Protein backbone atom coordinates (compact mmCIF):
# COMPACT_ATOMS: atom_id res chain seq x y z
CA MET A 1 -0.14 0.20 0.05
CA ARG A 2 2.88 2.39 1.06
CA ASP A 3 4.44 1.49 -2.46
CA LEU A 4 1.31 2.80 -4.41
CA PHE A 5 1.00 5.73 -2.43
CA ARG A 6 4.83 6.45 -3.33
CA ASP A 7 4.12 5.62 -6.96
CA SER A 8 1.14 8.05 -7.03
CA LEU A 9 3.12 10.71 -5.61
CA SER A 10 6.01 10.47 -8.18
CA VAL A 11 3.52 10.27 -11.13
CA LYS A 12 1.64 13.54 -9.89
CA GLY A 13 5.17 15.14 -9.54
CA ALA A 14 6.15 14.36 -13.01
CA ALA A 15 3.00 15.42 -14.37
CA ARG A 16 3.15 18.63 -12.82
CA ALA A 17 6.84 18.95 -13.73
CA LEU A 18 5.89 18.52 -17.16
CA TYR A 19 2.94 20.93 -16.99
CA SER A 20 5.30 23.56 -15.73
CA ALA A 21 7.74 23.10 -18.36
CA ALA A 22 5.10 23.14 -21.02
CA TYR A 23 3.84 26.37 -19.40
CA PHE A 24 7.38 27.98 -19.81
CA LEU A 25 8.32 26.64 -23.14
CA SER A 26 5.19 27.27 -24.78
CA PRO A 27 5.71 31.05 -25.38
CA ARG A 28 9.22 30.55 -26.49
CA MET A 29 8.04 27.66 -28.92
CA SER A 30 5.30 30.07 -30.18
CA THR A 31 8.30 32.66 -30.73
CA TYR A 32 10.25 30.07 -32.60
CA ASN A 33 7.35 29.05 -34.78
CA THR A 34 6.86 32.70 -35.73
CA LEU A 35 10.41 33.32 -36.52
CA LEU A 36 10.92 30.17 -38.60
CA ARG A 37 7.77 29.90 -40.42
CA MET A 38 7.85 30.15 -44.27
CA PRO A 39 7.48 33.36 -46.13
CA GLU A 40 4.11 34.58 -46.39
CA LEU A 41 3.81 36.72 -49.54
CA SER A 42 1.22 38.57 -51.22
CA LEU A 43 1.22 40.99 -54.25
CA ARG A 44 1.49 43.92 -51.76
CA TRP A 45 5.42 43.76 -52.40
CA ILE A 46 5.12 45.15 -55.77
CA PRO A 47 4.34 48.82 -54.42
CA VAL A 48 7.15 48.56 -52.11
CA TRP A 49 9.34 47.77 -55.17
CA ARG A 50 7.91 50.39 -57.25
CA ARG A 51 8.50 52.75 -54.36
CA ASN A 52 12.31 51.97 -54.48
CA LEU A 53 12.42 52.43 -58.25
CA LEU A 54 10.74 55.73 -58.06
CA VAL A 55 13.35 56.93 -55.60
CA TRP A 56 16.13 55.56 -57.65
CA ARG A 57 14.93 57.52 -60.72
CA LYS A 58 15.78 60.68 -59.02
CA LEU A 59 19.49 59.64 -59.09
CA ALA A 60 19.57 57.04 -61.66
CA ILE A 61 22.37 58.59 -63.81
CA ALA A 62 24.79 59.06 -60.39
CA SER A 63 23.82 55.53 -59.45
CA VAL A 64 24.43 53.81 -62.88
CA LEU A 65 27.88 55.71 -63.23
CA GLY A 66 28.83 54.50 -59.60
CA ASN A 67 27.96 51.03 -60.16
CA ILE A 68 29.73 50.65 -63.52
CA ALA A 69 32.69 52.93 -62.57
CA ASP A 70 34.70 50.46 -60.82
CA PRO A 71 34.33 47.21 -63.11
CA LEU A 72 34.79 49.68 -66.12
CA LEU A 73 38.07 51.05 -64.83
CA TYR A 74 39.23 47.49 -64.02
CA MET A 75 38.31 46.22 -67.26
CA LEU A 76 40.00 49.07 -69.33
CA ALA A 77 42.98 49.69 -67.01
CA LEU A 78 43.86 45.83 -66.89
CA GLY A 79 42.25 44.70 -70.17
CA TYR A 80 44.54 47.06 -72.20
CA GLY A 81 47.52 47.28 -69.68
CA ILE A 82 47.97 43.44 -68.74
CA GLY A 83 46.36 42.52 -72.08
CA ALA A 84 49.39 43.97 -74.07
CA PHE A 85 51.48 41.18 -72.52
CA ILE A 86 48.67 38.37 -72.62
CA PRO A 87 47.73 37.83 -76.18
CA GLU A 88 44.87 35.38 -75.41
CA ILE A 89 43.34 33.26 -72.65
CA GLY A 90 41.00 30.19 -73.73
CA GLY A 91 41.05 31.68 -77.41
CA MET A 92 39.67 35.15 -76.11
CA LYS A 93 41.36 38.45 -75.83
CA TYR A 94 42.30 39.26 -72.23
CA ILE A 95 39.93 42.38 -72.28
CA ALA A 96 37.19 40.20 -73.58
CA PHE A 97 38.08 37.57 -70.93
CA ILE A 98 38.03 40.19 -68.02
CA GLY A 99 35.09 41.78 -69.45
CA THR A 100 32.96 38.84 -69.16
CA GLY A 101 34.16 38.40 -65.51
CA MET A 102 33.29 42.25 -65.11
CA VAL A 103 29.63 41.71 -65.97
CA CYS A 104 29.22 39.39 -62.95
CA GLN A 105 31.25 41.33 -60.62
CA SER A 106 29.20 44.38 -61.48
CA ALA A 107 25.94 42.35 -60.54
CA MET A 108 27.62 41.13 -57.25
CA PHE A 109 28.64 44.45 -56.08
CA THR A 110 25.45 46.45 -57.03
CA ALA A 111 23.34 43.77 -55.33
CA SER A 112 25.29 43.45 -52.35
CA PHE A 113 25.29 47.47 -51.73
CA GLU A 114 21.83 47.65 -52.27
CA GLY A 115 20.97 44.75 -49.82
CA MET A 116 23.29 46.34 -47.46
CA TYR A 117 23.71 49.86 -47.16
CA SER A 118 20.48 50.97 -48.98
CA ALA A 119 18.33 48.55 -47.29
CA PHE A 120 19.88 49.27 -43.83
CA SER A 121 19.50 52.97 -44.28
CA ARG A 122 15.67 52.32 -44.96
CA MET A 123 15.32 49.72 -42.14
CA HIS A 124 17.38 51.40 -39.34
CA VAL A 125 18.26 55.21 -40.10
CA GLN A 126 15.19 56.44 -42.20
CA ARG A 127 12.76 54.00 -40.40
CA THR A 128 10.98 53.64 -43.76
CA TRP A 129 10.26 49.89 -43.17
CA ASP A 130 8.57 50.73 -39.76
CA ALA A 131 6.30 53.02 -41.64
CA ILE A 132 5.36 50.60 -44.26
CA ILE A 133 4.63 47.56 -42.16
CA ASN A 134 2.16 50.03 -40.04
CA ALA A 135 0.11 49.82 -43.15
CA PRO A 136 -1.53 46.53 -44.16
CA LEU A 137 1.86 45.10 -45.55
CA SER A 138 3.79 42.18 -43.83
CA LEU A 139 7.52 42.49 -43.28
CA ASP A 140 7.68 39.48 -45.33
CA ASP A 141 6.48 41.56 -48.27
CA VAL A 142 8.87 44.31 -47.55
CA LEU A 143 11.87 42.14 -47.31
CA PHE A 144 10.95 40.12 -50.50
CA ALA A 145 10.50 43.74 -52.42
CA GLU A 146 13.97 44.63 -51.27
CA TRP A 147 15.37 41.31 -52.59
CA ILE A 148 13.88 41.77 -55.86
CA TRP A 149 14.84 45.36 -56.19
CA ALA A 150 18.45 44.36 -55.29
CA ALA A 151 18.35 41.97 -58.43
CA SER A 152 16.52 44.44 -60.58
CA LYS A 153 19.33 47.08 -59.95
CA SER A 154 21.89 44.16 -60.78
CA VAL A 155 20.19 43.89 -64.21
CA ILE A 156 20.39 47.51 -64.84
CA SER A 157 24.43 47.37 -64.07
CA VAL A 158 24.94 44.23 -66.29
CA LEU A 159 23.10 46.09 -69.11
CA ALA A 160 25.37 49.11 -68.79
CA ILE A 161 28.48 47.14 -68.73
CA LEU A 162 27.43 44.93 -71.62
CA GLY A 163 26.67 47.88 -73.56
CA VAL A 164 30.46 48.86 -73.09
CA ILE A 165 31.60 45.52 -73.86
CA MET A 166 29.67 45.49 -77.18
CA ALA A 167 31.01 48.96 -77.71
CA LEU A 168 34.40 47.66 -77.58
CA GLY A 169 33.72 45.03 -80.19
CA PHE A 170 33.04 42.07 -78.11
CA GLY A 171 29.95 40.06 -77.17
CA HIS A 172 28.19 40.54 -80.78
CA SER A 173 26.06 37.10 -80.38
CA TRP A 174 22.36 36.58 -79.44
CA LEU A 175 23.42 34.25 -76.91
CA ALA A 176 24.79 37.61 -74.84
CA VAL A 177 21.02 38.45 -74.24
CA TRP A 178 20.81 35.66 -71.72
CA VAL A 179 23.64 37.56 -69.51
CA LEU A 180 20.54 39.72 -68.30
CA PRO A 181 18.53 36.99 -66.59
CA LEU A 182 21.85 35.81 -65.34
CA GLY A 183 22.51 39.04 -63.95
CA PHE A 184 18.94 38.86 -62.18
CA LEU A 185 19.94 35.52 -60.50
CA THR A 186 23.19 36.80 -59.56
CA GLY A 187 21.60 39.61 -58.09
CA LEU A 188 19.20 37.54 -56.14
CA THR A 189 21.97 35.66 -54.73
CA PHE A 190 24.23 38.61 -53.65
CA GLY A 191 20.90 40.63 -52.85
CA ALA A 192 20.08 38.03 -50.20
CA PHE A 193 23.55 38.01 -48.60
CA GLY A 194 23.34 41.70 -48.33
CA LEU A 195 19.92 41.52 -46.54
CA LEU A 196 21.25 38.86 -44.31
CA MET A 197 24.02 41.19 -43.48
CA THR A 198 21.68 44.11 -42.86
CA ALA A 199 19.62 41.93 -40.63
CA MET A 200 22.68 41.45 -38.33
CA ALA A 201 24.20 44.99 -38.71
CA PRO A 202 24.38 47.35 -35.63
CA SER A 203 26.00 50.05 -37.93
CA TYR A 204 27.10 50.74 -41.34
CA ASP A 205 30.83 49.58 -40.40
CA PHE A 206 29.48 45.98 -39.79
CA PHE A 207 29.57 45.61 -43.55
CA THR A 208 33.34 46.06 -43.80
CA TYR A 209 33.67 42.43 -42.70
CA PHE A 210 31.51 41.06 -45.87
CA PHE A 211 33.52 43.34 -48.20
CA THR A 212 36.86 42.25 -46.47
CA LEU A 213 36.07 38.35 -45.72
CA VAL A 214 33.44 37.42 -48.33
CA LEU A 215 33.55 39.71 -51.54
CA THR A 216 37.14 40.49 -52.09
CA PRO A 217 38.19 36.85 -51.81
CA MET A 218 35.25 35.81 -54.18
CA LEU A 219 36.68 38.54 -56.46
CA LEU A 220 40.11 37.27 -56.61
CA LEU A 221 39.15 33.40 -56.68
CA SER A 222 36.38 33.34 -59.05
CA GLY A 223 38.04 33.55 -62.25
CA ILE A 224 37.50 37.27 -63.15
CA PHE A 225 41.12 38.09 -63.85
CA PHE A 226 42.77 34.74 -64.61
CA PRO A 227 41.45 31.03 -65.32
CA VAL A 228 40.54 28.93 -62.13
CA GLU A 229 42.56 26.32 -63.64
CA GLN A 230 45.62 27.97 -62.94
CA MET A 231 45.15 27.77 -59.26
CA PRO A 232 46.67 25.07 -56.87
CA ALA A 233 44.31 22.11 -56.31
CA THR A 234 42.80 23.40 -52.89
CA LEU A 235 42.07 26.77 -54.36
CA ARG A 236 40.23 25.35 -57.08
CA VAL A 237 37.90 23.28 -54.95
CA VAL A 238 37.27 26.69 -52.93
CA ALA A 239 36.34 28.43 -56.19
CA ALA A 240 34.00 25.66 -57.14
CA CYS A 241 31.94 26.27 -53.83
CA LEU A 242 31.69 30.08 -54.77
CA PRO A 243 28.49 31.50 -56.24
CA LEU A 244 30.43 33.98 -58.43
CA SER A 245 32.37 31.20 -60.05
CA HIS A 246 29.20 29.63 -61.23
CA ALA A 247 27.94 33.04 -62.65
CA ILE A 248 30.97 33.53 -64.45
CA ASP A 249 31.23 29.76 -65.81
CA ILE A 250 27.80 30.72 -67.51
CA ALA A 251 28.58 34.41 -68.67
CA ARG A 252 31.79 33.98 -70.03
CA PRO A 253 30.69 31.11 -73.01
CA LEU A 254 27.57 33.44 -73.53
CA LEU A 255 29.47 36.37 -74.31
CA ASP A 256 31.90 34.39 -76.42
CA GLY A 257 29.02 33.09 -78.43
CA LYS A 258 29.02 29.73 -77.07
CA ILE A 259 26.58 27.64 -75.17
CA PRO A 260 27.87 26.96 -71.52
CA ASN A 261 28.60 23.37 -70.01
CA ASP A 262 26.53 22.24 -66.73
CA ILE A 263 24.11 25.13 -67.11
CA PRO A 264 21.51 23.19 -64.77
CA LEU A 265 24.37 22.78 -62.08
CA HIS A 266 25.49 26.54 -62.15
CA ILE A 267 21.86 27.83 -62.00
CA ALA A 268 21.10 25.06 -59.21
CA VAL A 269 24.00 26.29 -57.22
CA LEU A 270 23.09 30.07 -57.53
CA PHE A 271 19.39 29.51 -56.84
CA ALA A 272 20.19 27.37 -53.60
CA TYR A 273 22.67 30.16 -52.34
CA ALA A 274 19.87 32.75 -53.11
CA VAL A 275 16.98 31.01 -51.46
CA ALA A 276 19.02 29.84 -48.42
CA ALA A 277 20.35 33.32 -47.66
CA TYR A 278 17.01 34.92 -48.16
CA TYR A 279 15.24 32.59 -45.86
CA ALA A 280 18.10 33.31 -43.29
CA ALA A 281 17.67 36.97 -43.64
CA LEU A 282 14.01 36.72 -43.30
CA VAL A 283 14.35 35.00 -39.83
CA LEU A 284 16.86 37.22 -38.40
CA THR A 285 14.84 40.30 -39.66
CA ARG A 286 11.91 39.05 -38.08
CA ARG A 287 13.72 38.53 -34.93
CA ARG A 288 15.16 42.08 -34.80
CA LEU A 289 12.02 44.09 -35.91
CA LEU A 290 9.01 41.85 -34.61
CA ARG A 291 10.33 41.63 -31.03
């Protein structure tokens, strides 16, 4: 009889403990479910995208010149400077070789800048996002609009660089048109990375880490300035994992009038990076703004 009473007490104690744990954990679990839920989107993201477009139009010329100045200087200075010592690389003149890499580099930097500095200004400094989500618009729609806008700006930048390349006498092939949707996909990838940095950034200075530790190594290791095949085996493995390498592996043959190899693989890698980085940015932005 005493054993039964002792067992009954232990069962009641365990049940009480489980109830207490559930009581304290339920708000936390609810918070996790809110943060980790899949994106809930509507067509209301379109006016947010259009708002960014209208603001950009006021400074369109300065913005485009700023986005293409750096890759254009690289292409002309290195293309004609080093190109005088290097006759051809892979059957291409060196200025054409570096120019095809600059197309993807331009998309990368344009989307990264937009996803970091511009988005951070609207989120933290100007408090534009706070004003927007007080309207019947969700944070998911706002962040999705920022993502698509970063990719859209990449297309504008790619179009400008492509025009320069054609003016120099290269890229005269109908296949070069496909570089524009590639620029959009590349913009999605790096725009998502930029938004991820924005979600974690306490100030503008935080973005220096991303430029120094991510974008600069990617710029040097992805085959913009020289073929990846010339690097040691270890660095070739690293380069194969970089999204910019996959973008260049598509863009370079297209601008040379050839159909790239392994197109599905390259697109899948870029898309996987883009979706994973966007989802991570969405979760961290929810945690930051919806507390």
